[in-house]
Amino acid sequence: MNIHEHQAKDLYREYAVPTPNGFAAFSVEEAVEAAKKLPGPVWVVKAQIHAGGRGKGKFKEAAAGDKGGVRIAKSIDEVRTAATEMLGHTLVTAQTGANGRVVNRLYIEDGSAIERELYLSALVDRETSRVAFIASEAGGMNIEEVAHDTPEKIHTLTIDPATGYQPFHGRKVASALGLKGDAAKQCGTLIANLYRMVVEKDMSLLEINPLVVTKDGRLVCLDGKMNFDSNALYRHPEIVALRDLGEEDPTEIEASKHDLAFVKLDGNIGCLVNGAGLAMATMDIIKLYGAEPANFLDVGGGASKEKVREAFKIILADPSVKGILVNIFGGIMRCDIIAEGVIAAAREMDIKVPLVVRLEGTNVELGKKILKDSGLKIIPADDLGDAAEKITAELKKAA
């Protein structure tokens, strides 16, 4: 789950993480009033969407201008103009895709006198089972280019959960960022507070780009991208309350209501699989056979017939889906139950696209028999390669 920048900065303040003052605004007048509450004489007007690259983004509408989604204002009138040009308009960035995102809220922030821009992030490193901090002196909007062209400028430090944060962690990050003296001391306090926040709030990602050194020597977090572990949200109702459904794909929202792990993709083969690893393998083999998956969909290890039916509904709601591949390994989930769910869904929704089903595991022979005796046009597959080959062949025949 993601949150907006203005919400992230409220969390910063809760954990004594230095960040400029600012206010969220949902209308032009609220933006103007927010600016009047700040000392100025420089304000920053920021579009609030769940995507990076806002500063380099472009609005689709000509009326919104071409100055991007992060703008400097040197008067209240300029704040008003920026808010007018952003609110209700569609911002396209490298992370939104061509359709972009409509800007429905802004963050009006006090300007900062920047001396240096740095990069800092923290994430859960699955390889080491630790929280890892990633730091670079080359902060700012072009961090992706830095990672590609000069990876030696990016430094990684992990923290052992058995010991937690220790002062030497702060010194190492400060060194990686080229900070000395008082700035290095500030960095130690910053890393300690950020680590505590990441752990206590069950974050999977925290990115600060840029982390800046101001002209008066203060270390300040100018941005905040936060992602929270969905499996831990039951512990954090205060974080769930920050969820902005308007920033999420409607199909993914519907899937979450039925406890289905779903991510929409750009292909035309719908996938219904049990188990995240098997789902990834299924998508890979579809691509290997020259086609593209339309989604990631994991129905889980103990799905019921009803859950399978809802999964089909979600897949078929995507008009780009031209075929469906069901790939089930029956461990906790029995193949006969899956077969019954597939048949129920096929009959209820009158599926017109090719449907290939590969079953393996508990009660597999019974499951295959149920499918065969159904009288429906279900194409059986013996293994994953056979399934991918058959579904791609069906799409080629239909083309």
Protein backbone atom coordinates (compact mmCIF):
# COMPACT_ATOMS: atom_id res chain seq x y z
CA MET A 1 0.00 0.00 0.00
CA ASN A 2 1.26 3.49 -0.94
CA ILE A 3 0.47 6.87 0.59
CA HIS A 4 0.78 10.44 -0.64
CA GLU A 5 3.77 12.66 0.04
CA HIS A 6 1.86 14.96 2.40
CA GLN A 7 0.82 11.92 4.46
CA ALA A 8 4.40 10.66 4.50
CA LYS A 9 5.58 14.01 5.81
CA ASP A 10 3.07 13.86 8.63
CA LEU A 11 4.73 10.55 9.57
CA TYR A 12 8.14 12.23 9.40
CA ARG A 13 7.02 14.77 11.98
CA GLU A 14 5.71 11.99 14.22
CA TYR A 15 9.21 10.50 14.25
CA ALA A 16 11.12 13.81 14.50
CA VAL A 17 12.41 13.52 10.93
CA PRO A 18 13.23 17.02 9.60
CA THR A 19 10.99 18.15 6.73
CA PRO A 20 9.62 21.53 5.60
CA ASN A 21 6.24 22.73 6.80
CA GLY A 22 3.35 22.31 4.41
CA PHE A 23 -0.36 21.66 3.98
CA ALA A 24 -2.49 19.49 1.71
CA ALA A 25 -4.98 21.26 -0.56
CA PHE A 26 -7.95 19.89 -2.49
CA SER A 27 -9.01 23.12 -4.21
CA VAL A 28 -7.39 26.27 -5.57
CA GLU A 29 -8.64 28.32 -2.63
CA GLU A 30 -7.29 25.77 -0.13
CA ALA A 31 -3.92 25.99 -1.90
CA VAL A 32 -3.91 29.78 -1.57
CA GLU A 33 -4.89 29.62 2.10
CA ALA A 34 -2.18 27.01 2.72
CA ALA A 35 0.44 29.30 1.17
CA LYS A 36 -0.71 32.20 3.36
CA LYS A 37 -0.08 30.07 6.47
CA LEU A 38 3.57 29.58 5.43
CA PRO A 39 6.21 32.29 5.77
CA GLY A 40 7.40 32.25 2.14
CA PRO A 41 8.65 34.16 0.17
CA VAL A 42 9.09 30.96 -1.84
CA TRP A 43 6.57 28.12 -1.95
CA VAL A 44 6.59 24.73 -3.68
CA VAL A 45 3.35 23.47 -5.25
CA LYS A 46 3.41 19.67 -5.64
CA ALA A 47 0.93 17.42 -7.41
CA GLN A 48 -0.04 14.47 -5.19
CA ILE A 49 -0.24 11.22 -7.15
CA HIS A 50 1.09 7.73 -6.46
CA ALA A 51 3.91 7.95 -9.01
CA GLY A 52 7.45 9.25 -9.18
CA GLY A 53 8.96 11.62 -11.71
CA ARG A 54 6.40 14.36 -11.06
CA GLY A 55 8.89 17.16 -11.61
CA LYS A 56 9.70 15.91 -15.11
CA GLY A 57 6.10 14.95 -15.89
CA LYS A 58 3.86 16.70 -18.41
CA PHE A 59 0.16 17.46 -18.26
CA LYS A 60 -2.04 16.19 -21.08
CA GLU A 61 -4.16 19.32 -21.19
CA ALA A 62 -2.74 22.43 -22.83
CA ALA A 63 -4.39 24.58 -20.16
CA ALA A 64 -2.17 22.96 -17.54
CA GLY A 65 1.03 24.23 -19.12
CA ASP A 66 4.23 22.25 -19.52
CA LYS A 67 6.01 22.99 -16.24
CA GLY A 68 5.49 19.57 -14.66
CA GLY A 69 3.92 18.51 -11.40
CA VAL A 70 6.36 20.25 -9.01
CA ARG A 71 6.56 24.03 -9.32
CA ILE A 72 8.28 26.89 -7.53
CA ALA A 73 6.06 29.88 -6.73
CA LYS A 74 7.39 33.28 -5.64
CA SER A 75 4.07 34.90 -4.90
CA ILE A 76 0.58 33.96 -3.77
CA ASP A 77 -0.66 34.66 -7.30
CA GLU A 78 1.84 32.13 -8.68
CA VAL A 79 0.57 29.57 -6.15
CA ARG A 80 -2.97 30.22 -7.39
CA THR A 81 -1.91 29.84 -11.04
CA ALA A 82 -0.01 26.61 -10.39
CA ALA A 83 -2.92 25.14 -8.43
CA THR A 84 -5.37 26.09 -11.18
CA GLU A 85 -3.19 24.48 -13.84
CA MET A 86 -2.70 21.26 -11.86
CA LEU A 87 -5.95 20.37 -10.09
CA GLY A 88 -8.28 18.28 -12.20
CA HIS A 89 -5.71 17.80 -14.94
CA THR A 90 -3.90 14.62 -16.01
CA LEU A 91 -0.20 14.32 -15.20
CA VAL A 92 1.86 11.85 -17.21
CA THR A 93 5.21 10.69 -15.80
CA ALA A 94 7.61 7.86 -16.52
CA GLN A 95 5.81 5.81 -13.85
CA THR A 96 2.15 6.50 -14.69
CA GLY A 97 2.08 5.10 -18.21
CA ALA A 98 0.59 6.96 -21.15
CA ASN A 99 -2.82 7.40 -19.48
CA GLY A 100 -1.36 9.42 -16.61
CA ARG A 101 -3.09 10.24 -13.32
CA VAL A 102 -5.61 12.96 -12.57
CA VAL A 103 -4.34 15.36 -9.89
CA ASN A 104 -7.01 15.70 -7.19
CA ARG A 105 -4.87 17.06 -4.38
CA LEU A 106 -1.80 19.25 -3.94
CA TYR A 107 0.83 19.79 -1.27
CA ILE A 108 1.84 23.39 -0.63
CA GLU A 109 5.24 23.45 1.05
CA ASP A 110 7.60 26.08 2.37
CA GLY A 111 10.56 26.64 0.04
CA SER A 112 14.07 25.50 1.01
CA ALA A 113 17.45 27.07 0.23
CA ILE A 114 19.26 24.00 -1.14
CA GLU A 115 23.03 23.59 -0.99
CA ARG A 116 23.27 19.90 -1.98
CA GLU A 117 20.86 17.18 -3.10
CA LEU A 118 21.38 13.61 -1.84
CA TYR A 119 19.56 10.29 -2.19
CA LEU A 120 18.50 8.02 0.66
CA SER A 121 16.17 5.04 0.82
CA ALA A 122 15.41 2.12 3.11
CA LEU A 123 13.88 -1.18 2.08
CA VAL A 124 13.45 -4.75 3.21
CA ASP A 125 16.32 -6.70 1.64
CA ARG A 126 15.04 -10.25 1.11
CA GLU A 127 18.54 -11.53 0.39
CA THR A 128 19.86 -10.60 3.84
CA SER A 129 16.52 -10.52 5.72
CA ARG A 130 17.45 -7.07 6.99
CA VAL A 131 16.48 -3.46 6.49
CA ALA A 132 18.93 -1.98 4.00
CA PHE A 133 19.75 1.72 3.60
CA ILE A 134 20.81 2.88 0.15
CA ALA A 135 22.65 6.19 -0.03
CA SER A 136 24.19 8.30 -2.76
CA GLU A 137 25.71 11.76 -3.04
CA ALA A 138 24.13 11.98 -6.49
CA GLY A 139 20.58 12.75 -5.40
CA GLY A 140 17.82 14.45 -7.34
CA MET A 141 15.57 13.54 -10.22
CA ASN A 142 18.16 11.55 -12.18
CA ILE A 143 18.92 8.82 -9.63
CA GLU A 144 17.89 6.10 -12.11
CA GLU A 145 20.58 7.34 -14.52
CA VAL A 146 23.13 7.33 -11.69
CA ALA A 147 22.27 3.71 -10.87
CA HIS A 148 22.70 2.76 -14.53
CA ASP A 149 25.76 4.83 -15.49
CA THR A 150 27.77 5.12 -12.25
CA PRO A 151 26.63 2.39 -9.84
CA GLU A 152 29.78 2.91 -7.75
CA LYS A 153 28.18 6.12 -6.46
CA ILE A 154 25.44 4.14 -4.73
CA HIS A 155 26.22 2.56 -1.34
CA THR A 156 24.23 -0.04 0.62
CA LEU A 157 24.26 -0.70 4.37
CA THR A 158 22.16 -3.35 6.16
CA ILE A 159 21.13 -3.33 9.82
CA ASP A 160 21.03 -6.58 11.80
CA PRO A 161 17.61 -6.84 13.49
CA ALA A 162 19.24 -8.54 16.48
CA THR A 163 21.14 -5.35 17.35
CA GLY A 164 19.01 -2.72 15.64
CA TYR A 165 20.40 0.69 14.85
CA GLN A 166 23.85 1.48 16.24
CA PRO A 167 25.76 4.80 15.98
CA PHE A 168 28.25 3.34 13.51
CA HIS A 169 25.38 2.84 11.04
CA GLY A 170 24.76 6.57 11.03
CA ARG A 171 28.47 7.30 10.55
CA LYS A 172 28.67 4.92 7.60
CA VAL A 173 25.67 6.51 5.87
CA ALA A 174 27.08 9.98 6.56
CA SER A 175 30.36 8.94 4.97
CA ALA A 176 28.56 7.55 1.93
CA LEU A 177 26.75 10.87 1.57
CA GLY A 178 29.93 12.91 1.99
CA LEU A 179 28.68 14.56 5.20
CA LYS A 180 31.02 15.87 7.87
CA GLY A 181 30.87 17.69 11.19
CA ASP A 182 27.43 18.75 12.38
CA ALA A 183 25.76 17.41 9.21
CA ALA A 184 27.20 13.96 9.96
CA LYS A 185 25.77 14.12 13.49
CA GLN A 186 22.38 15.08 12.09
CA CYS A 187 22.62 12.12 9.74
CA GLY A 188 23.11 9.73 12.66
CA THR A 189 19.94 10.97 14.37
CA LEU A 190 18.08 10.88 11.04
CA ILE A 191 19.00 7.25 10.29
CA ALA A 192 18.08 6.18 13.82
CA ASN A 193 14.63 7.77 13.53
CA LEU A 194 14.03 6.47 10.01
CA TYR A 195 14.99 2.93 10.99
CA ARG A 196 12.60 3.04 13.95
CA MET A 197 9.82 4.32 11.67
CA VAL A 198 10.42 1.66 9.00
CA VAL A 199 10.32 -1.16 11.56
CA GLU A 200 7.43 0.12 13.69
CA LYS A 201 5.23 0.92 10.68
CA ASP A 202 6.08 -2.28 8.76
CA MET A 203 7.30 -0.43 5.68
CA SER A 204 8.60 -2.33 2.68
CA LEU A 205 10.05 0.84 1.10
CA LEU A 206 10.97 4.37 2.11
CA GLU A 207 12.55 6.66 -0.49
CA ILE A 208 13.77 10.21 0.08
CA ASN A 209 14.78 11.90 -3.15
CA PRO A 210 16.04 14.41 -2.53
CA LEU A 211 17.45 14.52 0.96
CA VAL A 212 19.03 17.97 1.02
CA VAL A 213 21.63 19.94 2.89
CA THR A 214 20.34 23.52 3.16
CA LYS A 215 22.53 26.59 2.91
CA ASP A 216 22.40 26.96 6.71
CA GLY A 217 23.67 23.38 7.16
CA ARG A 218 20.45 21.52 8.00
CA LEU A 219 19.66 18.04 6.74
CA VAL A 220 16.04 18.06 5.46
CA CYS A 221 13.83 15.44 3.76
CA LEU A 222 12.19 17.16 0.81
CA ASP A 223 10.31 14.12 -0.44
CA GLY A 224 8.80 10.95 0.94
CA LYS A 225 7.73 7.86 -0.96
CA MET A 226 6.43 5.13 1.37
CA ASN A 227 5.17 1.64 0.72
CA PHE A 228 3.74 -0.56 3.47
CA ASP A 229 3.65 -4.35 3.73
CA SER A 230 0.04 -5.25 2.94
CA ASN A 231 0.32 -8.40 5.07
CA ALA A 232 0.97 -6.24 8.15
CA LEU A 233 -1.76 -3.65 7.65
CA TYR A 234 -4.02 -5.35 10.20
CA ARG A 235 -1.61 -3.96 12.79
CA HIS A 236 -1.88 -0.41 11.44
CA PRO A 237 -5.43 0.92 11.11
CA GLU A 238 -3.95 4.42 11.16
CA ILE A 239 -2.10 3.61 7.92
CA VAL A 240 -5.09 1.91 6.30
CA ALA A 241 -7.05 5.12 6.95
CA LEU A 242 -4.62 6.93 4.61
CA ARG A 243 -5.44 4.72 1.62
CA ASP A 244 -6.52 6.67 -1.46
CA LEU A 245 -8.69 4.34 -3.55
CA GLY A 246 -8.74 6.91 -6.35
CA GLU A 247 -5.06 6.18 -6.98
CA GLU A 248 -5.57 2.43 -7.31
CA ASP A 249 -6.76 0.32 -10.22
CA PRO A 250 -10.51 -0.43 -9.72
CA THR A 251 -9.97 -4.08 -10.67
CA GLU A 252 -7.24 -4.44 -8.06
CA ILE A 253 -9.55 -2.92 -5.46
CA GLU A 254 -12.27 -5.43 -6.36
CA ALA A 255 -9.75 -8.28 -6.16
CA SER A 256 -8.66 -7.23 -2.68
CA LYS A 257 -12.28 -7.54 -1.48
CA HIS A 258 -12.10 -11.27 -2.27
CA ASP A 259 -8.59 -11.73 -0.86
CA LEU A 260 -7.11 -12.20 -4.34
CA ALA A 261 -3.59 -11.01 -5.13
CA PHE A 262 -4.08 -9.25 -8.47
CA VAL A 263 -1.97 -6.90 -10.57
CA LYS A 264 -3.14 -5.72 -13.99
CA LEU A 265 -0.60 -5.97 -16.82
CA ASP A 266 -0.58 -4.97 -20.49
CA GLY A 267 -0.91 -8.35 -22.24
CA ASN A 268 -3.88 -10.37 -23.53
CA ILE A 269 -3.62 -13.75 -21.75
CA GLY A 270 -5.41 -13.82 -18.41
CA CYS A 271 -3.70 -15.94 -15.75
CA LEU A 272 -5.39 -17.73 -12.84
CA VAL A 273 -2.79 -19.43 -10.64
CA ASN A 274 -2.37 -20.53 -7.04
CA GLY A 275 0.87 -19.42 -5.45
CA ALA A 276 2.95 -16.32 -6.18
CA GLY A 277 5.99 -18.26 -7.39
CA LEU A 278 3.91 -20.39 -9.74
CA ALA A 279 2.16 -17.24 -11.00
CA MET A 280 5.54 -15.65 -11.81
CA ALA A 281 6.65 -18.82 -13.61
CA THR A 282 3.39 -18.86 -15.56
CA MET A 283 3.88 -15.29 -16.74
CA ASP A 284 7.49 -16.05 -17.68
CA ILE A 285 6.58 -19.05 -19.81
CA ILE A 286 3.81 -17.13 -21.57
CA LYS A 287 6.43 -14.57 -22.58
CA LEU A 288 8.80 -17.38 -23.57
CA TYR A 289 6.19 -18.58 -26.07
CA GLY A 290 5.92 -15.10 -27.57
CA ALA A 291 2.80 -13.77 -25.86
CA GLU A 292 2.12 -11.36 -22.99
CA PRO A 293 0.26 -11.95 -19.68
CA ALA A 294 -2.70 -9.68 -18.96
CA ASN A 295 -2.42 -9.99 -15.20
CA PHE A 296 -0.82 -11.53 -12.15
CA LEU A 297 -3.53 -13.33 -10.20
CA ASP A 298 -2.85 -15.59 -7.21
CA VAL A 299 -6.00 -17.18 -5.77
CA GLY A 300 -4.04 -18.55 -2.79
CA GLY A 301 -3.43 -22.00 -1.44
CA GLY A 302 -6.90 -22.72 -0.10
CA ALA A 303 -9.25 -21.11 -2.59
CA SER A 304 -12.91 -22.11 -2.74
CA LYS A 305 -15.13 -22.54 -5.79
CA GLU A 306 -16.59 -19.12 -5.07
CA LYS A 307 -13.14 -17.53 -4.98
CA VAL A 308 -12.24 -19.11 -8.33
CA ARG A 309 -15.48 -17.77 -9.80
CA GLU A 310 -14.70 -14.25 -8.59
CA ALA A 311 -11.21 -14.55 -10.06
CA PHE A 312 -12.69 -15.36 -13.47
CA LYS A 313 -15.01 -12.36 -13.23
CA ILE A 314 -12.07 -10.08 -12.56
CA ILE A 315 -10.02 -11.50 -15.44
CA LEU A 316 -12.91 -11.25 -17.90
CA ALA A 317 -13.65 -7.66 -16.88
CA ASP A 318 -10.51 -6.71 -18.83
CA PRO A 319 -11.52 -6.27 -22.50
CA SER A 320 -7.93 -6.89 -23.61
CA VAL A 321 -8.07 -10.53 -22.42
CA LYS A 322 -8.27 -12.82 -25.47
CA GLY A 323 -7.52 -16.11 -23.71
CA ILE A 324 -7.20 -17.56 -20.21
CA LEU A 325 -4.59 -19.91 -18.78
CA VAL A 326 -5.45 -21.68 -15.51
CA ASN A 327 -2.41 -23.23 -13.86
CA ILE A 328 -3.09 -24.96 -10.54
CA PHE A 329 -0.92 -27.13 -8.32
CA GLY A 330 -3.19 -28.92 -5.87
CA GLY A 331 -1.52 -29.08 -2.49
CA ILE A 332 -3.78 -27.53 0.12
CA MET A 333 -6.19 -26.84 -2.75
CA ARG A 334 -7.62 -29.99 -4.37
CA CYS A 335 -7.75 -30.19 -8.15
CA ASP A 336 -11.35 -31.43 -8.16
CA ILE A 337 -12.47 -28.33 -6.25
CA ILE A 338 -10.65 -26.10 -8.75
CA ALA A 339 -12.21 -28.01 -11.65
CA GLU A 340 -15.68 -27.46 -10.21
CA GLY A 341 -14.93 -23.76 -9.75
CA VAL A 342 -13.69 -23.44 -13.34
CA ILE A 343 -16.82 -25.16 -14.69
CA ALA A 344 -19.15 -23.04 -12.55
CA ALA A 345 -17.48 -19.86 -13.75
CA ALA A 346 -17.44 -20.95 -17.39
CA ARG A 347 -21.16 -21.73 -17.31
CA GLU A 348 -22.19 -18.64 -15.37
CA MET A 349 -20.22 -16.20 -17.51
CA ASP A 350 -20.48 -17.97 -20.85
CA ILE A 351 -16.75 -17.64 -21.50
CA LYS A 352 -16.13 -16.96 -25.19
CA VAL A 353 -12.32 -16.77 -25.17
CA PRO A 354 -10.08 -19.88 -25.33
CA LEU A 355 -9.61 -21.49 -21.90
CA VAL A 356 -6.61 -23.74 -21.22
CA VAL A 357 -6.42 -25.56 -17.88
CA ARG A 358 -3.39 -27.31 -16.44
CA LEU A 359 -3.92 -29.21 -13.17
CA GLU A 360 -1.39 -31.11 -11.07
CA GLY A 361 -1.35 -32.43 -7.52
CA THR A 362 -4.02 -33.67 -5.11
CA ASN A 363 -6.97 -35.39 -6.86
CA VAL A 364 -5.57 -34.39 -10.26
CA GLU A 365 -7.15 -37.32 -12.15
CA LEU A 366 -10.55 -36.58 -10.65
CA GLY A 367 -10.15 -32.92 -11.55
CA LYS A 368 -9.28 -33.75 -15.16
CA LYS A 369 -12.26 -36.10 -15.39
CA ILE A 370 -14.62 -33.41 -14.10
CA LEU A 371 -13.34 -31.00 -16.76
CA LYS A 372 -13.59 -33.62 -19.53
CA ASP A 373 -17.13 -34.61 -18.60
CA SER A 374 -18.36 -31.02 -18.35
CA GLY A 375 -19.17 -30.72 -22.05
CA LEU A 376 -17.51 -27.29 -22.12
CA LYS A 377 -14.79 -26.16 -24.52
CA ILE A 378 -11.97 -26.41 -22.00
CA ILE A 379 -8.57 -27.28 -23.42
CA PRO A 380 -6.59 -29.57 -21.07
CA ALA A 381 -2.81 -29.31 -20.75
CA ASP A 382 -0.36 -31.88 -19.40
CA ASP A 383 2.30 -29.51 -18.09
CA LEU A 384 3.16 -25.81 -17.98
CA GLY A 385 4.98 -25.78 -21.31
CA ASP A 386 2.09 -27.58 -22.98
CA ALA A 387 -0.36 -25.07 -21.47
CA ALA A 388 1.59 -22.05 -22.71
CA GLU A 389 1.98 -23.56 -26.15
CA LYS A 390 -1.74 -24.30 -26.42
CA ILE A 391 -3.01 -20.91 -25.25
CA THR A 392 -0.64 -19.01 -27.55
CA ALA A 393 -1.65 -21.25 -30.45
CA GLU A 394 -5.34 -20.53 -29.78
CA LEU A 395 -4.68 -16.79 -29.87
CA LYS A 396 -2.82 -17.11 -33.17
CA LYS A 397 -5.77 -19.01 -34.66
CA ALA A 398 -8.18 -16.31 -33.54
CA ALA A 399 -6.01 -13.45 -34.85
